[in-house]
Amino acid sequence: MFGALVLAAFAPARAEDAPARSSSNRSQVYNIRTTDKLRISIFQEDDLSTICRVDAKGTVNLPLVGEIRVYGQTLSQAERTIEAAYKNGRYLRTPEVTVAVEEYAPREVSVQGQVKNPGRYPLPVESTMSVLDLVTKAGGFTDTAQGTAVRVTRIQPDGSTKVITLDVESLIKGRSSAKTNTENNALMLEPDDIVYVPERII
């Protein structure tokens, strides 16, 4: 069976047989997380198609090529990664891989401190949420909030902790002085981020 598989894989594919690539935003926006359940399909290779969960190492275990790291990648990036694994391993000449999420990992963030409704909030599955969006969902700042020093605590893929301080108040008020780099007001939240709004010292 394997020999036939390899011979078939190296046969030239007809253009009309190639599956259409998805151009939906889901491939570009969603980043794969641990415990996501993925459906991985390989065109005309049913024996290699599988459904599996992303393990704690951020990998999926696939037929022939073994563990492939897909954590943090978009679905399109994961497709390219898996295609490269089969191609570089000389199992398939022109693999056509499609990755879809069968079951999403829980995606929540929490906001604490001086907001009107602190607590945990779900993240959208295939769109983004900024710190400003979360503060708004939590009812906005209290009267004693120090909105210029909002802290975001994030666990990195390697297990380390990163703390980012943001001036959200300036963004809300539309001040031109608000910083706009990628680690400031435009920061997009990731699952398990903890947002803390301190109390203003009077």
Foldseek 3Di string as FASTA:
>chain_A
DLVVQLVVQPPDDDPVQADDDDPDLQQVFAFAAFQFWKFKDKRPCVVFTDIGTQHLLQWTQTPPQGTFHRGRHGQVVVQVRVQCSCCVVSSHPGIGMGMDTPGGDFFWEWEDEFAQATDIDGADRRHWAFPLNVSVVSVHGDPFWPQQFKWKWDQDSVRDIDIATENCVCVVVVPPPGDDDQRYRRPTDGGHIYIYTYTHDD
